[in-house]
C-alpha atoms as a PDB file:
ATOM      1  CA  MET A   1       2.452  20.278  20.849  1.00  0.00           C
ATOM      2  CA  HIS A   2      -1.006  22.098  20.959  1.00  0.00           C
ATOM      3  CA  LEU A   3      -4.135  20.584  20.630  1.00  0.00           C
ATOM      4  CA  GLY A   4      -7.300  21.298  18.930  1.00  0.00           C
ATOM      5  CA  LEU A   5     -10.491  19.280  19.401  1.00  0.00           C
ATOM      6  CA  VAL A   6     -13.280  19.526  17.267  1.00  0.00           C
ATOM      7  CA  ALA A   7     -16.681  17.732  16.523  1.00  0.00           C
ATOM      8  CA  PRO A   8     -18.016  18.308  13.090  1.00  0.00           C
ATOM      9  CA  SER A   9     -19.880  14.886  13.252  1.00  0.00           C
ATOM     10  CA  SER A  10     -21.897  13.854  15.673  1.00  0.00           C
ATOM     11  CA  PRO A  11     -22.059  15.078  20.329  1.00  0.00           C
ATOM     12  CA  THR A  12     -20.193  12.682  22.690  1.00  0.00           C
ATOM     13  CA  LEU A  13     -23.213  11.207  24.844  1.00  0.00           C
ATOM     14  CA  GLU A  14     -21.188  10.396  27.676  1.00  0.00           C
ATOM     15  CA  PRO A  15     -18.951  13.526  28.687  1.00  0.00           C
ATOM     16  CA  SER A  16     -16.570  11.946  30.949  1.00  0.00           C
ATOM     17  CA  SER A  17     -15.054   9.896  27.956  1.00  0.00           C
ATOM     18  CA  THR A  18     -14.398  13.722  26.544  1.00  0.00           C
ATOM     19  CA  ALA A  19     -12.484  13.969  29.441  1.00  0.00           C
ATOM     20  CA  ARG A  20     -10.527  10.999  29.851  1.00  0.00           C
ATOM     21  CA  GLY A  21      -9.441  11.066  26.222  1.00  0.00           C
ATOM     22  CA  MET A  22      -7.954  14.675  26.960  1.00  0.00           C
ATOM     23  CA  ARG A  23      -6.460  14.048  29.951  1.00  0.00           C
ATOM     24  CA  ALA A  24      -4.850  10.843  28.614  1.00  0.00           C
ATOM     25  CA  LEU A  25      -3.758  13.019  25.980  1.00  0.00           C
ATOM     26  CA  GLU A  26      -2.008  15.002  28.345  1.00  0.00           C
ATOM     27  CA  ALA A  27      -0.471  12.911  29.818  1.00  0.00           C
ATOM     28  CA  LEU A  28       1.748  12.041  26.323  1.00  0.00           C
ATOM     29  CA  GLY A  29       2.767  15.830  26.803  1.00  0.00           C
ATOM     30  CA  PHE A  30       0.251  17.603  24.460  1.00  0.00           C
ATOM     31  CA  THR A  31      -1.705  20.468  26.152  1.00  0.00           C
ATOM     32  CA  THR A  32      -5.520  20.478  24.751  1.00  0.00           C
ATOM     33  CA  GLU A  33      -8.262  23.427  23.976  1.00  0.00           C
ATOM     34  CA  LEU A  34     -11.799  22.180  23.134  1.00  0.00           C
ATOM     35  CA  ALA A  35     -13.448  24.093  20.272  1.00  0.00           C
ATOM     36  CA  PRO A  36     -16.341  26.776  21.650  1.00  0.00           C
ATOM     37  CA  HIS A  37     -18.764  23.918  19.860  1.00  0.00           C
ATOM     38  CA  ALA A  38     -17.865  21.015  21.016  1.00  0.00           C
ATOM     39  CA  THR A  39     -19.852  19.676  23.434  1.00  0.00           C
ATOM     40  CA  ASP A  40     -22.820  20.871  21.803  1.00  0.00           C
ATOM     41  CA  ALA A  41     -25.818  19.068  20.448  1.00  0.00           C
ATOM     42  CA  TYR A  42     -28.233  19.277  18.203  1.00  0.00           C
ATOM     43  CA  GLY A  43     -30.107  16.033  17.744  1.00  0.00           C
ATOM     44  CA  TYR A  44     -27.331  13.876  16.187  1.00  0.00           C
ATOM     45  CA  LEU A  45     -25.559  16.499  15.073  1.00  0.00           C
ATOM     46  CA  ALA A  46     -22.756  18.392  17.297  1.00  0.00           C
ATOM     47  CA  GLY A  47     -24.797  21.749  16.922  1.00  0.00           C
ATOM     48  CA  SER A  48     -25.520  23.447  13.997  1.00  0.00           C
ATOM     49  CA  ASP A  49     -23.587  23.465  10.703  1.00  0.00           C
ATOM     50  CA  ARG A  50     -22.368  26.662  11.016  1.00  0.00           C
ATOM     51  CA  ASP A  51     -21.103  26.375  14.157  1.00  0.00           C
ATOM     52  CA  ARG A  52     -19.361  23.308  13.248  1.00  0.00           C
ATOM     53  CA  ALA A  53     -17.558  24.529  10.439  1.00  0.00           C
ATOM     54  CA  GLU A  54     -17.105  27.315  12.679  1.00  0.00           C
ATOM     55  CA  ASP A  55     -14.931  25.646  14.972  1.00  0.00           C
ATOM     56  CA  LEU A  56     -12.914  23.450  12.333  1.00  0.00           C
ATOM     57  CA  LEU A  57     -12.133  26.950   9.800  1.00  0.00           C
ATOM     58  CA  THR A  58     -11.125  28.324  13.282  1.00  0.00           C
ATOM     59  CA  MET A  59      -8.589  25.624  14.406  1.00  0.00           C
ATOM     60  CA  LEU A  60      -7.141  24.982  10.917  1.00  0.00           C
ATOM     61  CA  GLU A  61      -6.335  28.877  10.520  1.00  0.00           C
ATOM     62  CA  ARG A  62      -4.669  29.495  14.182  1.00  0.00           C
ATOM     63  CA  PRO A  63      -1.166  29.388  14.414  1.00  0.00           C
ATOM     64  CA  ASP A  64      -1.051  28.208  18.101  1.00  0.00           C
ATOM     65  CA  ILE A  65      -3.058  25.216  17.236  1.00  0.00           C
ATOM     66  CA  ASP A  66      -0.426  22.512  16.107  1.00  0.00           C
ATOM     67  CA  ALA A  67      -3.283  19.564  14.800  1.00  0.00           C
ATOM     68  CA  VAL A  68      -6.710  19.422  14.973  1.00  0.00           C
ATOM     69  CA  VAL A  69      -7.938  16.317  16.422  1.00  0.00           C
ATOM     70  CA  CYS A  70     -11.515  14.896  16.196  1.00  0.00           C
ATOM     71  CA  VAL A  71     -13.686  14.040  19.396  1.00  0.00           C
ATOM     72  CA  ARG A  72     -15.795  11.604  17.456  1.00  0.00           C
ATOM     73  CA  GLY A  73     -17.611  10.306  14.945  1.00  0.00           C
ATOM     74  CA  GLY A  74     -21.132   9.700  14.070  1.00  0.00           C
ATOM     75  CA  CYS A  75     -22.599  11.294  11.135  1.00  0.00           C
ATOM     76  CA  GLY A  76     -22.312  15.062  10.098  1.00  0.00           C
ATOM     77  CA  ALA A  77     -19.274  15.756   8.108  1.00  0.00           C
ATOM     78  CA  LEU A  78     -21.006  16.296   5.317  1.00  0.00           C
ATOM     79  CA  ARG A  79     -23.179  19.241   6.418  1.00  0.00           C
ATOM     80  CA  THR A  80     -20.081  20.551   8.220  1.00  0.00           C
ATOM     81  CA  ALA A  81     -18.194  20.218   4.566  1.00  0.00           C
ATOM     82  CA  MET A  82     -21.117  22.239   2.723  1.00  0.00           C
ATOM     83  CA  ALA A  83     -21.238  25.352   5.688  1.00  0.00           C
ATOM     84  CA  LEU A  84     -17.290  25.957   5.451  1.00  0.00           C
ATOM     85  CA  ASP A  85     -16.543  29.492   3.796  1.00  0.00           C
ATOM     86  CA  PRO A  86     -15.097  28.536   0.472  1.00  0.00           C
ATOM     87  CA  GLU A  87     -13.398  30.945   0.892  1.00  0.00           C
ATOM     88  CA  ARG A  88     -11.304  30.484   4.350  1.00  0.00           C
ATOM     89  CA  LEU A  89     -11.025  27.524   3.267  1.00  0.00           C
ATOM     90  CA  ARG A  90      -8.928  28.285  -0.291  1.00  0.00           C
ATOM     91  CA  ARG A  91      -6.826  30.952   1.851  1.00  0.00           C
ATOM     92  CA  LEU A  92      -5.324  28.180   4.242  1.00  0.00           C
ATOM     93  CA  ARG A  93      -3.551  26.875   1.253  1.00  0.00           C
ATOM     94  CA  ASN A  94      -0.446  29.392   1.496  1.00  0.00           C
ATOM     95  CA  ARG A  95       0.013  27.699   4.763  1.00  0.00           C
ATOM     96  CA  ALA A  96       1.960  25.322   6.411  1.00  0.00           C
ATOM     97  CA  PRO A  97       0.114  21.369   6.212  1.00  0.00           C
ATOM     98  CA  LYS A  98      -1.426  20.949   9.736  1.00  0.00           C
ATOM     99  CA  VAL A  99      -1.730  17.376  10.975  1.00  0.00           C
ATOM    100  CA  PHE A 100      -5.965  16.760  11.236  1.00  0.00           C
ATOM    101  CA  VAL A 101      -6.884  13.599  12.917  1.00  0.00           C
ATOM    102  CA  GLY A 102      -9.875  11.333  12.967  1.00  0.00           C
ATOM    103  CA  TYR A 103     -11.729   8.312  11.562  1.00  0.00           C
ATOM    104  CA  SER A 104     -14.927   7.192  10.569  1.00  0.00           C
ATOM    105  CA  ASP A 105     -17.580   9.698   9.714  1.00  0.00           C
ATOM    106  CA  ILE A 106     -14.823  12.232   9.657  1.00  0.00           C
ATOM    107  CA  THR A 107     -13.970  10.432   5.518  1.00  0.00           C
ATOM    108  CA  VAL A 108     -15.722  13.434   4.728  1.00  0.00           C
ATOM    109  CA  LEU A 109     -13.096  16.225   5.939  1.00  0.00           C
ATOM    110  CA  HIS A 110      -9.810  13.446   4.737  1.00  0.00           C
ATOM    111  CA  GLY A 111     -11.188  14.198   1.545  1.00  0.00           C
ATOM    112  CA  LEU A 112     -11.734  17.855   1.769  1.00  0.00           C
ATOM    113  CA  ILE A 113      -8.837  19.085   3.036  1.00  0.00           C
ATOM    114  CA  GLU A 114      -6.950  16.126   0.175  1.00  0.00           C
ATOM    115  CA  ARG A 115      -8.768  17.790  -2.551  1.00  0.00           C
ATOM    116  CA  THR A 116      -9.015  21.899  -1.460  1.00  0.00           C
ATOM    117  CA  LEU A 117      -5.488  21.452   0.579  1.00  0.00           C
ATOM    118  CA  GLY A 118      -3.231  18.970  -0.662  1.00  0.00           C
ATOM    119  CA  TRP A 119      -2.013  18.195   2.669  1.00  0.00           C
ATOM    120  CA  THR A 120      -1.281  14.568   4.373  1.00  0.00           C
ATOM    121  CA  THR A 121      -4.124  14.073   7.064  1.00  0.00           C
ATOM    122  CA  PHE A 122      -3.945  10.952   9.429  1.00  0.00           C
ATOM    123  CA  TYR A 123      -6.690   8.450   9.507  1.00  0.00           C
ATOM    124  CA  GLY A 124      -6.906   6.846  13.645  1.00  0.00           C
ATOM    125  CA  PRO A 125      -7.789   7.798  16.799  1.00  0.00           C
ATOM    126  CA  MET A 126     -10.180  10.764  18.078  1.00  0.00           C
ATOM    127  CA  VAL A 127     -10.666  11.991  21.538  1.00  0.00           C
ATOM    128  CA  ILE A 128     -12.857   9.588  22.706  1.00  0.00           C
ATOM    129  CA  SER A 129     -10.677   6.777  21.559  1.00  0.00           C
ATOM    130  CA  TRP A 130      -7.909   7.553  24.059  1.00  0.00           C
ATOM    131  CA  ALA A 131     -10.538   7.337  26.815  1.00  0.00           C
ATOM    132  CA  GLN A 132      -9.483   3.630  27.193  1.00  0.00           C
ATOM    133  CA  PRO A 133      -6.182   3.899  25.456  1.00  0.00           C
ATOM    134  CA  THR A 134      -4.432   0.459  24.290  1.00  0.00           C
ATOM    135  CA  ASP A 135      -0.638   0.614  24.304  1.00  0.00           C
ATOM    136  CA  TYR A 136      -1.185  -0.456  20.182  1.00  0.00           C
ATOM    137  CA  LEU A 137      -3.135   2.859  20.174  1.00  0.00           C
ATOM    138  CA  ARG A 138      -0.667   4.723  21.705  1.00  0.00           C
ATOM    139  CA  LEU A 139       2.277   3.294  19.842  1.00  0.00           C
ATOM    140  CA  GLY A 140       0.648   3.402  16.454  1.00  0.00           C
ATOM    141  CA  TRP A 141       0.080   7.473  17.181  1.00  0.00           C
ATOM    142  CA  ARG A 142       3.916   8.084  18.358  1.00  0.00           C
ATOM    143  CA  ARG A 143       4.939   6.497  15.043  1.00  0.00           C
ATOM    144  CA  ALA A 144       2.860   8.201  12.901  1.00  0.00           C
ATOM    145  CA  LEU A 145       2.713  11.840  13.944  1.00  0.00           C
ATOM    146  CA  MET A 146       5.679  11.868  16.282  1.00  0.00           C
ATOM    147  CA  ASP A 147       8.384   9.736  14.630  1.00  0.00           C
ATOM    148  CA  ALA A 148       9.999  10.824  10.960  1.00  0.00           C
ATOM    149  CA  GLY A 149      10.841   7.146   9.802  1.00  0.00           C
ATOM    150  CA  PRO A 150       8.921   4.294   8.337  1.00  0.00           C
ATOM    151  CA  PHE A 151       6.680   2.243  10.763  1.00  0.00           C
ATOM    152  CA  PRO A 152       4.572  -1.196   9.801  1.00  0.00           C
ATOM    153  CA  ILE A 153       1.042  -1.540  11.019  1.00  0.00           C
ATOM    154  CA  ASP A 154       1.080  -4.337  13.073  1.00  0.00           C
ATOM    155  CA  PRO A 155      -1.754  -6.322  13.387  1.00  0.00           C
ATOM    156  CA  ASP A 156      -3.786  -6.812  16.069  1.00  0.00           C
ATOM    157  CA  PRO A 157      -2.413  -8.282  19.609  1.00  0.00           C
ATOM    158  CA  ASP A 158      -5.004  -9.456  20.183  1.00  0.00           C
ATOM    159  CA  ASP A 159      -6.115 -11.732  17.302  1.00  0.00           C
ATOM    160  CA  PRO A 160      -2.742 -11.536  15.099  1.00  0.00           C
ATOM    161  CA  PHE A 161      -4.340 -13.599  11.807  1.00  0.00           C
ATOM    162  CA  VAL A 162      -3.645 -11.602   8.420  1.00  0.00           C
ATOM    163  CA  GLU A 163      -4.885 -13.131   5.499  1.00  0.00           C
ATOM    164  CA  THR A 164      -3.627 -13.035   2.349  1.00  0.00           C
ATOM    165  CA  LEU A 165      -7.096 -12.554  -0.320  1.00  0.00           C
ATOM    166  CA  VAL A 166      -4.762 -11.688  -3.811  1.00  0.00           C
ATOM    167  CA  PRO A 167      -0.786 -12.152  -3.362  1.00  0.00           C
ATOM    168  CA  GLY A 168       1.523  -9.472  -4.759  1.00  0.00           C
ATOM    169  CA  VAL A 169       3.595  -6.261  -4.247  1.00  0.00           C
ATOM    170  CA  ALA A 170       2.762  -3.143  -4.808  1.00  0.00           C
ATOM    171  CA  GLU A 171       3.979  -0.265  -3.577  1.00  0.00           C
ATOM    172  CA  ALA A 172       2.057   3.417  -4.022  1.00  0.00           C
ATOM    173  CA  GLU A 173      -0.091   6.047  -1.736  1.00  0.00           C
ATOM    174  CA  LEU A 174      -2.324   5.396   1.230  1.00  0.00           C
ATOM    175  CA  GLY A 175      -5.774   6.451   0.640  1.00  0.00           C
ATOM    176  CA  GLY A 176      -9.684   5.018   1.587  1.00  0.00           C
ATOM    177  CA  GLY A 177     -11.643   5.552   5.124  1.00  0.00           C
ATOM    178  CA  CYS A 178     -14.736   4.487   5.809  1.00  0.00           C
ATOM    179  CA  LEU A 179     -17.068   2.451   3.560  1.00  0.00           C
ATOM    180  CA  THR A 180     -20.310   3.874   3.811  1.00  0.00           C
ATOM    181  CA  LEU A 181     -18.926   7.431   3.441  1.00  0.00           C
ATOM    182  CA  LEU A 182     -16.792   6.398   0.771  1.00  0.00           C
ATOM    183  CA  ALA A 183     -19.979   5.286  -1.327  1.00  0.00           C
ATOM    184  CA  ALA A 184     -21.589   8.337  -0.010  1.00  0.00           C
ATOM    185  CA  LEU A 185     -18.751  11.118  -1.325  1.00  0.00           C
ATOM    186  CA  ILE A 186     -19.228   9.500  -4.957  1.00  0.00           C
ATOM    187  CA  GLY A 187     -19.746  12.491  -6.872  1.00  0.00           C
ATOM    188  CA  THR A 188     -19.709  15.120  -4.634  1.00  0.00           C
ATOM    189  CA  PRO A 189     -16.196  17.956  -4.976  1.00  0.00           C
ATOM    190  CA  TRP A 190     -14.863  15.788  -1.815  1.00  0.00           C
ATOM    191  CA  GLU A 191     -14.476  12.324  -3.153  1.00  0.00           C
ATOM    192  CA  PRO A 192     -10.766  11.329  -2.541  1.00  0.00           C
ATOM    193  CA  ASP A 193      -8.965   9.750  -5.012  1.00  0.00           C
ATOM    194  CA  LEU A 194      -8.373   6.095  -5.186  1.00  0.00           C
ATOM    195  CA  HIS A 195      -6.589   5.844  -8.546  1.00  0.00           C
ATOM    196  CA  GLY A 196      -3.178   4.266  -8.153  1.00  0.00           C
ATOM    197  CA  ARG A 197      -3.387   3.909  -4.525  1.00  0.00           C
ATOM    198  CA  ILE A 198      -3.296   1.152  -1.948  1.00  0.00           C
ATOM    199  CA  VAL A 199      -7.034   1.400  -0.895  1.00  0.00           C
ATOM    200  CA  PHE A 200      -8.042   0.583   2.723  1.00  0.00           C
ATOM    201  CA  PHE A 201     -11.644   0.270   3.721  1.00  0.00           C
ATOM    202  CA  GLU A 202     -13.556  -0.597   6.973  1.00  0.00           C
ATOM    203  CA  ASP A 203     -16.910  -0.173   9.001  1.00  0.00           C
ATOM    204  CA  ILE A 204     -19.072  -0.576  11.935  1.00  0.00           C
ATOM    205  CA  GLY A 205     -22.601  -1.562  12.255  1.00  0.00           C
ATOM    206  CA  GLU A 206     -23.852  -2.951   9.075  1.00  0.00           C
ATOM    207  CA  ASP A 207     -25.006  -6.387   7.393  1.00  0.00           C
ATOM    208  CA  PRO A 208     -23.556  -8.408   5.075  1.00  0.00           C
ATOM    209  CA  TYR A 209     -25.932  -7.063   2.461  1.00  0.00           C
ATOM    210  CA  ARG A 210     -25.197  -3.457   3.029  1.00  0.00           C
ATOM    211  CA  ILE A 211     -21.244  -3.609   2.630  1.00  0.00           C
ATOM    212  CA  GLU A 212     -22.447  -5.897  -0.377  1.00  0.00           C
ATOM    213  CA  ARG A 213     -23.837  -3.244  -1.304  1.00  0.00           C
ATOM    214  CA  LEU A 214     -21.476  -0.475  -0.350  1.00  0.00           C
ATOM    215  CA  LEU A 215     -18.602  -2.265  -1.645  1.00  0.00           C
ATOM    216  CA  SER A 216     -20.631  -3.525  -5.354  1.00  0.00           C
ATOM    217  CA  GLN A 217     -21.273   0.889  -5.778  1.00  0.00           C
ATOM    218  CA  LEU A 218     -16.855   1.377  -5.314  1.00  0.00           C
ATOM    219  CA  VAL A 219     -16.562  -1.204  -8.362  1.00  0.00           C
ATOM    220  CA  ALA A 220     -19.821  -0.557 -10.853  1.00  0.00           C
ATOM    221  CA  SER A 221     -18.613   2.728  -9.973  1.00  0.00           C
ATOM    222  CA  GLY A 222     -14.760   2.086 -11.123  1.00  0.00           C
ATOM    223  CA  ARG A 223     -13.340   4.262  -8.475  1.00  0.00           C
ATOM    224  CA  LEU A 224     -10.915   0.635  -7.595  1.00  0.00           C
ATOM    225  CA  GLU A 225     -10.131   0.406 -11.354  1.00  0.00           C
ATOM    226  CA  GLY A 226      -6.682   1.632 -11.042  1.00  0.00           C
ATOM    227  CA  CYS A 227      -5.703   1.044  -7.743  1.00  0.00           C
ATOM    228  CA  ALA A 228      -2.422  -0.448  -7.063  1.00  0.00           C
ATOM    229  CA  GLY A 229      -4.029  -2.813  -3.707  1.00  0.00           C
ATOM    230  CA  ILE A 230      -6.311  -3.610  -1.211  1.00  0.00           C
ATOM    231  CA  VAL A 231      -6.583  -3.565   2.673  1.00  0.00           C
ATOM    232  CA  ILE A 232      -9.609  -4.627   4.283  1.00  0.00           C
ATOM    233  CA  GLY A 233      -9.805  -3.484   7.623  1.00  0.00           C
ATOM    234  CA  GLU A 234     -12.070  -4.217  10.119  1.00  0.00           C
ATOM    235  CA  HIS A 235     -16.029  -4.108  10.069  1.00  0.00           C
ATOM    236  CA  ALA A 236     -16.858  -3.948  13.956  1.00  0.00           C
ATOM    237  CA  ASN A 237     -20.495  -5.905  14.004  1.00  0.00           C
ATOM    238  CA  CYS A 238     -21.022  -6.449  11.149  1.00  0.00           C
ATOM    239  CA  GLY A 239     -22.932 -10.022  11.502  1.00  0.00           C
ATOM    240  CA  PRO A 240     -25.646 -10.851   9.857  1.00  0.00           C
ATOM    241  CA  ARG A 241     -28.637  -8.816  12.313  1.00  0.00           C
ATOM    242  CA  GLU A 242     -32.033  -9.710  10.011  1.00  0.00           C
ATOM    243  CA  PRO A 243     -33.454 -13.262   9.475  1.00  0.00           C
ATOM    244  CA  GLY A 244     -33.440 -14.408   6.396  1.00  0.00           C
ATOM    245  CA  PRO A 245     -31.024 -16.376   3.788  1.00  0.00           C
ATOM    246  CA  THR A 246     -27.354 -14.395   4.210  1.00  0.00           C
ATOM    247  CA  ILE A 247     -23.685 -14.847   3.013  1.00  0.00           C
ATOM    248  CA  GLY A 248     -20.718 -14.064   5.373  1.00  0.00           C
ATOM    249  CA  LEU A 249     -18.479 -10.829   5.148  1.00  0.00           C
ATOM    250  CA  GLU A 250     -15.705 -13.155   3.478  1.00  0.00           C
ATOM    251  CA  GLN A 251     -17.562 -14.238   1.007  1.00  0.00           C
ATOM    252  CA  VAL A 252     -18.842 -10.999  -0.297  1.00  0.00           C
ATOM    253  CA  PHE A 253     -14.870  -9.417  -0.390  1.00  0.00           C
ATOM    254  CA  ARG A 254     -14.011 -12.787  -2.306  1.00  0.00           C
ATOM    255  CA  ASP A 255     -16.636 -12.281  -4.593  1.00  0.00           C
ATOM    256  CA  LEU A 256     -16.502  -8.406  -5.624  1.00  0.00           C
ATOM    257  CA  VAL A 257     -12.630  -7.943  -4.557  1.00  0.00           C
ATOM    258  CA  LEU A 258     -10.718 -10.658  -5.866  1.00  0.00           C
ATOM    259  CA  PRO A 259     -11.879  -9.982  -9.539  1.00  0.00           C
ATOM    260  CA  LEU A 260     -10.013  -6.746  -9.008  1.00  0.00           C
ATOM    261  CA  GLY A 261      -6.336  -8.982  -9.644  1.00  0.00           C
ATOM    262  CA  VAL A 262      -4.740  -5.930  -6.785  1.00  0.00           C
ATOM    263  CA  PRO A 263      -2.336  -7.571  -3.839  1.00  0.00           C
ATOM    264  CA  THR A 264      -4.909  -7.953  -0.947  1.00  0.00           C
ATOM    265  CA  LEU A 265      -4.952  -7.929   3.040  1.00  0.00           C
ATOM    266  CA  TYR A 266      -7.797  -9.057   5.109  1.00  0.00           C
ATOM    267  CA  HIS A 267      -8.166  -8.603   8.977  1.00  0.00           C
ATOM    268  CA  LEU A 268      -5.479  -5.364   9.898  1.00  0.00           C
ATOM    269  CA  PRO A 269      -6.923  -3.274  12.844  1.00  0.00           C
ATOM    270  CA  ILE A 270      -7.750  -0.424  10.719  1.00  0.00           C
ATOM    271  CA  GLY A 271     -11.232   0.880  11.383  1.00  0.00           C
ATOM    272  CA  HIS A 272     -14.163   0.607  14.655  1.00  0.00           C
ATOM    273  CA  GLY A 273     -12.034  -1.676  16.713  1.00  0.00           C
ATOM    274  CA  ARG A 274     -10.271  -1.738  19.621  1.00  0.00           C
ATOM    275  CA  GLN A 275      -7.062  -1.355  18.462  1.00  0.00           C
ATOM    276  CA  LEU A 276      -6.632   1.269  16.449  1.00  0.00           C
ATOM    277  CA  ALA A 277      -4.105   1.909  13.495  1.00  0.00           C
ATOM    278  CA  THR A 278      -2.625   5.316  12.793  1.00  0.00           C
ATOM    279  CA  LEU A 279      -2.522   6.153   8.283  1.00  0.00           C
ATOM    280  CA  PRO A 280      -0.986   9.018   7.329  1.00  0.00           C
ATOM    281  CA  LEU A 281      -3.325   9.987   4.309  1.00  0.00           C
ATOM    282  CA  GLY A 282      -1.000  10.498   1.283  1.00  0.00           C
ATOM    283  CA  ALA A 283       1.196   9.201   2.248  1.00  0.00           C
ATOM    284  CA  ARG A 284       3.921   6.187   0.295  1.00  0.00           C
ATOM    285  CA  ALA A 285       3.349   2.368   1.531  1.00  0.00           C
ATOM    286  CA  ARG A 286       4.631  -1.171   0.759  1.00  0.00           C
ATOM    287  CA  LEU A 287       1.793  -3.811   0.780  1.00  0.00           C
ATOM    288  CA  ASP A 288       3.146  -7.423   0.926  1.00  0.00           C
ATOM    289  CA  ALA A 289       0.543  -9.406   0.140  1.00  0.00           C
ATOM    290  CA  ASP A 290       2.901 -12.365   0.288  1.00  0.00           C
ATOM    291  CA  ALA A 291       4.513 -11.629   3.760  1.00  0.00           C
ATOM    292  CA  GLY A 292       0.892  -9.995   5.434  1.00  0.00           C
ATOM    293  CA  THR A 293       2.610  -6.450   5.571  1.00  0.00           C
ATOM    294  CA  LEU A 294       1.121  -3.192   5.140  1.00  0.00           C
ATOM    295  CA  THR A 295       4.403  -0.523   5.736  1.00  0.00           C
ATOM    296  CA  VAL A 296       4.702   2.893   5.723  1.00  0.00           C
ATOM    297  CA  LEU A 297       7.297   4.253   4.149  1.00  0.00           C
ATOM    298  CA  GLU A 298       7.585   7.794   4.740  1.00  0.00           C
ATOM    299  CA  ALA A 299       6.441  10.118   6.989  1.00  0.00           C
ATOM    300  CA  GLY A 300       3.629  11.851   7.479  1.00  0.00           C
ATOM    301  CA  VAL A 301       4.907  14.634   9.369  1.00  0.00           C
ATOM    302  CA  SER A 302       7.714  17.221   8.548  1.00  0.00           C
END
């Protein structure tokens, strides 16, 4: 499988992280190719909007590229989305779906591909995630991208505690992403459809009051109304960082999620932690909050 590597958000500050990630992917038998502008930098962006958009479209269009993997997240995917040629994007509807992988800021492009092309995409490890891959990361990637059968999203082997916030069982398609970007996408053409889905969310580096604000926006806007279930992923480095009164993240989630009354799990390793799950967005899954399990029921790849 030939992987096209794109940087639609921020640049990699340490080039060796990209090189190490490519080497790890090649050790698994993949071949890799960096897009022409994947190593560019324009402040906190990986080059100009036009070049980032051109790289993404070209890799999605090229028949010799089997999968497109993002180098890293950060910031800038919204600007990349706005710079895409809509006609070239529409023409991709006539082609077979292509694997697309990334997380964090890449939530924007998952929403765009879903809304524009209807493809299943993968919320999972990016190139720099492979700089120091764990066995958990490797297994999750293989199950999601290379195997055809159902597979579980296993607990974090470093901390296997999984908490049931609301009991119950739900079966539905998976949807979600980084909480900051899910909130930012409200009202845009690329907002993911969360209705009737098992919704997961995660984030990094936010104070509890900011997580509360973002989650409140999803709730108040009705975006979580009618979802089938909720999986709260990792919120890495999201403890209080400012002086003054605060409440814990767990209380934020209890205050805002429990009233929705849908099966809810907390603490699966989805997000920015050391152990990274790979989830096929749009694939059917089964959330058993009673047993503390999330199982992907259908392959994201054909």
